[in-house]
C-alpha cells in the first residue's frame, strides 16, 4: 500500500485544482462519497478504492488536458477529494499497524 501513496505523491495537477481537493478532503465521508463515484454496493477496501479512484482521475485528467468537451471539473475535484480522503485513511491505518 505504500506504493499507492508514493504513486499519489507523484501526481502533478494544477495548484488550484489540488487546493480545492485538499479543502474538500477535510469533509470527506467515505460512505457518502465513494458510492457516488464507484457505484453502489459493498465498498471496497481503502487500497482498492484508491487504485480505482486513481484510474478514474487519470481519465479525467486526460480529458482536461485534451480539451474534451465532456470534461467535468466538478467530477474531477470530487474524485481528487475522495483520493485524498482515502489516502489519509490508508496512511492512518498503516501508522496504527506500525505502532
N, C-alpha and C. Protein backbone atom coordinates (compact mmCIF):
# COMPACT_ATOMS: atom_id res chain seq x y z
N UNK A 1 0.81 -1.20 0.00
CA UNK A 1 0.00 0.00 0.00
C UNK A 1 0.86 1.27 0.00
N UNK A 2 2.06 1.17 0.50
CA UNK A 2 2.94 2.34 0.49
C UNK A 2 3.20 2.77 -0.94
N UNK A 3 3.22 1.80 -1.86
CA UNK A 3 3.43 2.13 -3.26
C UNK A 3 2.29 3.00 -3.78
N UNK A 4 1.08 2.76 -3.33
CA UNK A 4 -0.05 3.61 -3.74
C UNK A 4 0.14 5.05 -3.27
N UNK A 5 0.62 5.19 -2.05
CA UNK A 5 0.85 6.54 -1.51
C UNK A 5 1.93 7.25 -2.31
N UNK A 6 3.00 6.56 -2.66
CA UNK A 6 4.05 7.19 -3.46
C UNK A 6 3.55 7.53 -4.85
N UNK A 7 2.67 6.69 -5.41
CA UNK A 7 2.07 7.00 -6.71
C UNK A 7 1.21 8.25 -6.61
N UNK A 8 0.50 8.39 -5.51
CA UNK A 8 -0.34 9.55 -5.30
C UNK A 8 0.50 10.83 -5.20
N UNK A 9 1.63 10.73 -4.52
CA UNK A 9 2.51 11.90 -4.38
C UNK A 9 3.14 12.30 -5.70
N UNK A 10 3.25 11.36 -6.63
CA UNK A 10 3.87 11.64 -7.92
C UNK A 10 2.92 12.37 -8.88
N UNK A 11 1.64 12.39 -8.56
CA UNK A 11 0.66 13.04 -9.43
C UNK A 11 0.84 14.56 -9.35
N UNK A 12 0.94 15.18 -10.52
CA UNK A 12 1.10 16.64 -10.59
C UNK A 12 -0.11 17.23 -11.30
N UNK A 13 -0.83 18.06 -10.59
CA UNK A 13 -2.01 18.71 -11.12
C UNK A 13 -1.92 20.21 -10.82
N UNK A 14 -2.72 21.02 -11.52
CA UNK A 14 -2.69 22.46 -11.26
C UNK A 14 -2.94 22.77 -9.78
N UNK A 15 -2.19 23.74 -9.24
CA UNK A 15 -2.31 24.06 -7.81
C UNK A 15 -3.73 24.39 -7.36
N UNK A 16 -4.49 25.10 -8.16
CA UNK A 16 -5.85 25.48 -7.77
C UNK A 16 -6.75 24.24 -7.67
N UNK A 17 -6.56 23.30 -8.56
CA UNK A 17 -7.32 22.05 -8.53
C UNK A 17 -7.01 21.27 -7.26
N UNK A 18 -5.74 21.17 -6.92
CA UNK A 18 -5.32 20.44 -5.72
C UNK A 18 -5.74 21.17 -4.45
N UNK A 19 -5.71 22.48 -4.49
CA UNK A 19 -6.12 23.25 -3.30
C UNK A 19 -7.60 23.01 -3.01
N UNK A 20 -8.41 23.02 -4.05
CA UNK A 20 -9.84 22.75 -3.88
C UNK A 20 -10.05 21.34 -3.33
N UNK A 21 -9.27 20.38 -3.82
CA UNK A 21 -9.40 19.00 -3.35
C UNK A 21 -8.98 18.87 -1.89
N UNK A 22 -7.91 19.54 -1.50
CA UNK A 22 -7.45 19.47 -0.10
C UNK A 22 -8.49 20.07 0.85
N UNK A 23 -9.09 21.17 0.43
CA UNK A 23 -10.13 21.79 1.26
C UNK A 23 -11.33 20.85 1.37
N UNK A 24 -11.73 20.26 0.27
CA UNK A 24 -12.87 19.35 0.28
C UNK A 24 -12.60 18.08 1.04
N UNK A 25 -11.35 17.63 1.06
CA UNK A 25 -10.99 16.38 1.75
C UNK A 25 -11.18 16.49 3.26
N UNK A 26 -11.24 17.70 3.78
CA UNK A 26 -11.47 17.88 5.21
C UNK A 26 -12.83 17.35 5.63
N UNK A 27 -13.79 17.39 4.71
CA UNK A 27 -15.15 16.93 5.00
C UNK A 27 -15.47 15.59 4.33
N UNK A 28 -14.45 14.86 3.91
CA UNK A 28 -14.65 13.59 3.20
C UNK A 28 -15.29 12.56 4.11
N UNK A 29 -16.37 11.95 3.60
CA UNK A 29 -17.03 10.85 4.30
C UNK A 29 -17.17 9.70 3.32
N UNK A 30 -16.47 8.65 3.60
CA UNK A 30 -16.36 7.50 2.72
C UNK A 30 -17.73 6.95 2.31
N UNK A 31 -18.60 6.77 3.26
CA UNK A 31 -19.91 6.16 2.99
C UNK A 31 -20.78 7.02 2.09
N UNK A 32 -20.52 8.31 2.04
CA UNK A 32 -21.30 9.21 1.21
C UNK A 32 -20.66 9.41 -0.16
N UNK A 33 -19.35 9.63 -0.17
CA UNK A 33 -18.67 9.98 -1.41
C UNK A 33 -18.39 8.78 -2.33
N UNK A 34 -17.90 7.68 -1.77
CA UNK A 34 -17.49 6.56 -2.62
C UNK A 34 -18.61 5.95 -3.45
N UNK A 35 -19.78 5.70 -2.88
CA UNK A 35 -20.83 5.11 -3.72
C UNK A 35 -21.17 5.97 -4.94
N UNK A 36 -21.14 7.26 -4.77
CA UNK A 36 -21.44 8.16 -5.87
C UNK A 36 -20.39 8.05 -6.98
N UNK A 37 -19.14 7.79 -6.60
CA UNK A 37 -18.06 7.74 -7.58
C UNK A 37 -17.80 6.34 -8.13
N UNK A 38 -17.92 5.33 -7.28
CA UNK A 38 -17.56 3.97 -7.68
C UNK A 38 -18.76 3.07 -7.93
N UNK A 39 -19.93 3.53 -7.59
CA UNK A 39 -21.13 2.71 -7.75
C UNK A 39 -21.58 2.19 -6.40
N UNK A 40 -22.84 1.91 -6.32
CA UNK A 40 -23.41 1.47 -5.05
C UNK A 40 -23.17 -0.01 -4.86
N UNK A 41 -23.16 -0.43 -3.64
CA UNK A 41 -22.89 -1.81 -3.27
C UNK A 41 -21.89 -1.82 -2.13
N UNK A 42 -21.23 -2.93 -1.98
CA UNK A 42 -20.23 -3.06 -0.91
C UNK A 42 -19.03 -2.19 -1.25
N UNK A 43 -18.61 -1.38 -0.29
CA UNK A 43 -17.46 -0.51 -0.51
C UNK A 43 -16.18 -1.32 -0.51
N UNK A 44 -15.27 -1.03 -1.46
CA UNK A 44 -14.00 -1.76 -1.49
C UNK A 44 -13.09 -1.31 -0.35
N UNK A 45 -12.05 -2.08 -0.10
CA UNK A 45 -11.04 -1.69 0.89
C UNK A 45 -10.39 -0.38 0.45
N UNK A 46 -9.71 0.25 1.38
CA UNK A 46 -9.13 1.57 1.10
C UNK A 46 -8.14 1.53 -0.06
N UNK A 47 -7.27 0.53 -0.10
CA UNK A 47 -6.29 0.43 -1.17
C UNK A 47 -6.94 0.22 -2.53
N UNK A 48 -7.91 -0.67 -2.59
CA UNK A 48 -8.62 -0.92 -3.85
C UNK A 48 -9.39 0.30 -4.30
N UNK A 49 -10.03 0.96 -3.36
CA UNK A 49 -10.79 2.18 -3.69
C UNK A 49 -9.84 3.26 -4.23
N UNK A 50 -8.70 3.41 -3.58
CA UNK A 50 -7.74 4.42 -4.02
C UNK A 50 -7.23 4.11 -5.42
N UNK A 51 -6.96 2.86 -5.71
CA UNK A 51 -6.49 2.47 -7.04
C UNK A 51 -7.55 2.77 -8.10
N UNK A 52 -8.80 2.45 -7.83
CA UNK A 52 -9.89 2.73 -8.78
C UNK A 52 -10.05 4.23 -8.98
N UNK A 53 -9.96 4.98 -7.88
CA UNK A 53 -10.09 6.43 -7.97
C UNK A 53 -8.95 7.03 -8.79
N UNK A 54 -7.75 6.49 -8.64
CA UNK A 54 -6.61 6.99 -9.40
C UNK A 54 -6.80 6.72 -10.89
N UNK A 55 -7.39 5.59 -11.24
CA UNK A 55 -7.67 5.29 -12.65
C UNK A 55 -8.71 6.26 -13.22
N UNK A 56 -9.76 6.52 -12.45
CA UNK A 56 -10.80 7.46 -12.88
C UNK A 56 -10.19 8.85 -13.04
N UNK A 57 -9.35 9.25 -12.08
CA UNK A 57 -8.73 10.58 -12.12
C UNK A 57 -7.81 10.72 -13.32
N UNK A 58 -7.08 9.67 -13.66
CA UNK A 58 -6.18 9.72 -14.82
C UNK A 58 -6.99 9.95 -16.10
N UNK A 59 -8.14 9.29 -16.21
CA UNK A 59 -9.01 9.51 -17.38
C UNK A 59 -9.53 10.94 -17.41
N UNK A 60 -9.93 11.44 -16.25
CA UNK A 60 -10.42 12.82 -16.19
C UNK A 60 -9.32 13.81 -16.54
N UNK A 61 -8.10 13.55 -16.10
CA UNK A 61 -7.00 14.45 -16.41
C UNK A 61 -6.68 14.43 -17.90
N UNK A 62 -6.80 13.27 -18.52
CA UNK A 62 -6.60 13.17 -19.96
C UNK A 62 -7.65 14.00 -20.69
N UNK A 63 -8.89 13.94 -20.22
CA UNK A 63 -9.95 14.77 -20.80
C UNK A 63 -9.64 16.25 -20.61
N UNK A 64 -9.16 16.60 -19.43
CA UNK A 64 -8.86 18.01 -19.12
C UNK A 64 -7.77 18.54 -20.03
N UNK A 65 -6.67 17.80 -20.13
CA UNK A 65 -5.54 18.28 -20.94
C UNK A 65 -5.82 18.20 -22.43
N UNK A 66 -6.71 17.30 -22.83
CA UNK A 66 -7.04 17.15 -24.25
C UNK A 66 -8.12 18.09 -24.74
N UNK A 67 -8.70 18.85 -23.83
CA UNK A 67 -9.74 19.79 -24.22
C UNK A 67 -11.05 19.11 -24.57
N UNK A 68 -11.28 17.94 -24.02
CA UNK A 68 -12.51 17.19 -24.26
C UNK A 68 -13.71 17.98 -23.74
N UNK A 69 -14.74 18.11 -24.55
CA UNK A 69 -15.90 18.91 -24.15
C UNK A 69 -16.75 18.21 -23.09
N UNK A 70 -16.55 16.91 -22.91
CA UNK A 70 -17.33 16.20 -21.88
C UNK A 70 -16.64 16.26 -20.51
N UNK A 71 -15.50 16.93 -20.41
CA UNK A 71 -14.76 17.04 -19.15
C UNK A 71 -15.59 17.79 -18.12
N UNK A 72 -15.63 17.23 -16.89
CA UNK A 72 -16.36 17.87 -15.80
C UNK A 72 -15.37 18.23 -14.68
N UNK A 73 -15.17 19.52 -14.49
CA UNK A 73 -14.29 19.99 -13.43
C UNK A 73 -14.81 19.56 -12.06
N UNK A 74 -16.12 19.62 -11.88
CA UNK A 74 -16.72 19.25 -10.60
C UNK A 74 -16.45 17.78 -10.29
N UNK A 75 -16.62 16.91 -11.27
CA UNK A 75 -16.34 15.49 -11.06
C UNK A 75 -14.86 15.28 -10.76
N UNK A 76 -13.99 16.01 -11.46
CA UNK A 76 -12.55 15.86 -11.25
C UNK A 76 -12.18 16.23 -9.80
N UNK A 77 -12.70 17.34 -9.33
CA UNK A 77 -12.44 17.75 -7.95
C UNK A 77 -13.02 16.73 -6.97
N UNK A 78 -14.20 16.22 -7.27
CA UNK A 78 -14.84 15.22 -6.42
C UNK A 78 -13.98 13.95 -6.31
N UNK A 79 -13.44 13.51 -7.42
CA UNK A 79 -12.57 12.32 -7.42
C UNK A 79 -11.28 12.61 -6.66
N UNK A 80 -10.71 13.78 -6.86
CA UNK A 80 -9.49 14.14 -6.12
C UNK A 80 -9.75 14.21 -4.62
N UNK A 81 -10.90 14.71 -4.22
CA UNK A 81 -11.26 14.76 -2.80
C UNK A 81 -11.29 13.35 -2.24
N UNK A 82 -11.94 12.44 -2.95
CA UNK A 82 -12.02 11.05 -2.50
C UNK A 82 -10.64 10.40 -2.46
N UNK A 83 -9.80 10.70 -3.43
CA UNK A 83 -8.44 10.15 -3.43
C UNK A 83 -7.67 10.60 -2.20
N UNK A 84 -7.73 11.89 -1.91
CA UNK A 84 -7.02 12.40 -0.74
C UNK A 84 -7.58 11.85 0.55
N UNK A 85 -8.91 11.74 0.61
CA UNK A 85 -9.54 11.18 1.81
C UNK A 85 -9.16 9.73 2.03
N UNK A 86 -9.18 8.93 0.97
CA UNK A 86 -8.81 7.52 1.09
C UNK A 86 -7.33 7.38 1.44
N UNK A 87 -6.49 8.23 0.88
CA UNK A 87 -5.06 8.17 1.19
C UNK A 87 -4.81 8.50 2.66
N UNK A 88 -5.53 9.47 3.19
CA UNK A 88 -5.37 9.83 4.60
C UNK A 88 -5.78 8.67 5.51
N UNK A 89 -6.90 8.02 5.19
CA UNK A 89 -7.35 6.88 5.99
C UNK A 89 -6.36 5.73 5.88
N UNK A 90 -5.85 5.49 4.68
CA UNK A 90 -4.88 4.42 4.46
C UNK A 90 -3.59 4.69 5.24
N UNK A 91 -3.11 5.92 5.20
CA UNK A 91 -1.90 6.26 5.95
C UNK A 91 -2.13 6.13 7.45
N UNK A 92 -3.28 6.53 7.93
CA UNK A 92 -3.58 6.44 9.35
C UNK A 92 -3.64 4.98 9.79
N UNK A 93 -4.23 4.13 8.96
CA UNK A 93 -4.30 2.71 9.32
C UNK A 93 -2.93 2.06 9.29
N UNK A 94 -2.07 2.48 8.37
CA UNK A 94 -0.70 1.95 8.34
C UNK A 94 0.08 2.41 9.54
N UNK A 95 -0.11 3.65 9.95
CA UNK A 95 0.60 4.16 11.12
C UNK A 95 0.16 3.43 12.38
N UNK A 96 -1.13 3.09 12.46
CA UNK A 96 -1.65 2.37 13.63
C UNK A 96 -1.09 0.95 13.68
N UNK A 97 -0.85 0.35 12.52
CA UNK A 97 -0.29 -1.01 12.48
C UNK A 97 1.18 -1.03 12.85
N UNK A 98 1.89 0.04 12.56
CA UNK A 98 3.32 0.11 12.86
C UNK A 98 3.56 0.28 14.34
N UNK A 99 2.74 1.09 14.99
CA UNK A 99 2.96 1.34 16.43
C UNK A 99 2.33 0.31 17.28
